[in-house]
Amino acid sequence: MFQQTPVYDRLVAERGDVPVQVRGEADRIHRDLAQVLSRASSSQPSARQNVVDSKVPPAAL
């Protein structure tokens, strides 16, 4: 993937491995969001269906 260089190694030593930190935070946010969406969809399935099945034009919503 990415070939490390002395400059990269020095930046990691000074600032930490930012790409790894960002990837970890993105994974955490993804898990949290999946959990929230799962709860929301399981707690109100009828409300979601009513919006989709509604005969009211989208502009009126």
C-alpha atoms as a PDB file:
ATOM      1  CA  MET A   1       0.000   0.000   0.000  1.00  0.00           C
ATOM      2  CA  PHE A   2       2.002   2.988   1.259  1.00  0.00           C
ATOM      3  CA  GLN A   3       5.733   2.596   1.453  1.00  0.00           C
ATOM      4  CA  GLN A   4       7.005   4.261   4.610  1.00  0.00           C
ATOM      5  CA  THR A   5       9.812   6.767   4.338  1.00  0.00           C
ATOM      6  CA  PRO A   6      12.026   8.404   6.975  1.00  0.00           C
ATOM      7  CA  VAL A   7       9.875  11.545   6.716  1.00  0.00           C
ATOM      8  CA  TYR A   8       6.716   9.526   7.370  1.00  0.00           C
ATOM      9  CA  ASP A   9       8.345   7.727  10.295  1.00  0.00           C
ATOM     10  CA  ARG A  10       9.401  11.065  11.803  1.00  0.00           C
ATOM     11  CA  LEU A  11       5.872  12.492  11.412  1.00  0.00           C
ATOM     12  CA  VAL A  12       4.396   9.398  13.072  1.00  0.00           C
ATOM     13  CA  ALA A  13       6.857   9.786  15.933  1.00  0.00           C
ATOM     14  CA  GLU A  14       5.961  13.486  16.328  1.00  0.00           C
ATOM     15  CA  ARG A  15       2.210  13.450  15.673  1.00  0.00           C
ATOM     16  CA  GLY A  16       1.121   9.837  15.998  1.00  0.00           C
ATOM     17  CA  ASP A  17      -0.214   7.646  13.207  1.00  0.00           C
ATOM     18  CA  VAL A  18      -3.003   9.960  12.079  1.00  0.00           C
ATOM     19  CA  PRO A  19      -4.342   7.694   9.290  1.00  0.00           C
ATOM     20  CA  VAL A  20      -4.722   4.833  11.780  1.00  0.00           C
ATOM     21  CA  GLN A  21      -6.422   7.138  14.287  1.00  0.00           C
ATOM     22  CA  VAL A  22      -8.822   8.474  11.660  1.00  0.00           C
ATOM     23  CA  ARG A  23      -9.623   4.971  10.451  1.00  0.00           C
ATOM     24  CA  GLY A  24     -10.353   3.892  14.026  1.00  0.00           C
ATOM     25  CA  GLU A  25     -12.676   6.844  14.614  1.00  0.00           C
ATOM     26  CA  ALA A  26     -14.452   6.219  11.303  1.00  0.00           C
ATOM     27  CA  ASP A  27     -15.006   2.580  12.282  1.00  0.00           C
ATOM     28  CA  ARG A  28     -16.366   3.650  15.689  1.00  0.00           C
ATOM     29  CA  ILE A  29     -18.732   6.188  14.127  1.00  0.00           C
ATOM     30  CA  HIS A  30     -19.875   3.596  11.586  1.00  0.00           C
ATOM     31  CA  ARG A  31     -20.684   1.104  14.369  1.00  0.00           C
ATOM     32  CA  ASP A  32     -22.501   3.744  16.415  1.00  0.00           C
ATOM     33  CA  LEU A  33     -24.522   4.915  13.424  1.00  0.00           C
ATOM     34  CA  ALA A  34     -25.453   1.358  12.455  1.00  0.00           C
ATOM     35  CA  GLN A  35     -26.661   0.767  16.010  1.00  0.00           C
ATOM     36  CA  VAL A  36     -28.753   3.965  16.041  1.00  0.00           C
ATOM     37  CA  LEU A  37     -30.272   3.243  12.641  1.00  0.00           C
ATOM     38  CA  SER A  38     -31.039  -0.315  13.674  1.00  0.00           C
ATOM     39  CA  ARG A  39     -32.906   0.900  16.764  1.00  0.00           C
ATOM     40  CA  ALA A  40     -34.776   3.568  14.802  1.00  0.00           C
ATOM     41  CA  SER A  41     -35.916   1.182  12.095  1.00  0.00           C
ATOM     42  CA  SER A  42     -37.027  -1.471  14.584  1.00  0.00           C
ATOM     43  CA  SER A  43     -38.904   0.973  16.824  1.00  0.00           C
ATOM     44  CA  GLN A  44     -40.960   2.712  14.104  1.00  0.00           C
ATOM     45  CA  PRO A  45     -41.466   0.419  11.113  1.00  0.00           C
ATOM     46  CA  SER A  46     -45.045   1.610  10.494  1.00  0.00           C
ATOM     47  CA  ALA A  47     -44.116   5.304  10.331  1.00  0.00           C
ATOM     48  CA  ARG A  48     -41.562   4.569   7.654  1.00  0.00           C
ATOM     49  CA  GLN A  49     -44.015   2.470   5.679  1.00  0.00           C
ATOM     50  CA  ASN A  50     -46.689   5.182   5.833  1.00  0.00           C
ATOM     51  CA  VAL A  51     -44.395   7.718   4.235  1.00  0.00           C
ATOM     52  CA  VAL A  52     -43.464   5.330   1.443  1.00  0.00           C
ATOM     53  CA  ASP A  53     -47.021   4.087   0.834  1.00  0.00           C
ATOM     54  CA  SER A  54     -48.626   7.506   1.111  1.00  0.00           C
ATOM     55  CA  LYS A  55     -50.716   8.791  -1.792  1.00  0.00           C
ATOM     56  CA  VAL A  56     -49.857  12.389  -0.867  1.00  0.00           C
ATOM     57  CA  PRO A  57     -47.565  14.058  -3.442  1.00  0.00           C
ATOM     58  CA  PRO A  58     -44.035  14.723  -2.114  1.00  0.00           C
ATOM     59  CA  ALA A  59     -44.540  18.521  -2.313  1.00  0.00           C
ATOM     60  CA  ALA A  60     -47.410  18.257   0.192  1.00  0.00           C
ATOM     61  CA  LEU A  61     -45.200  16.480   2.749  1.00  0.00           C
END
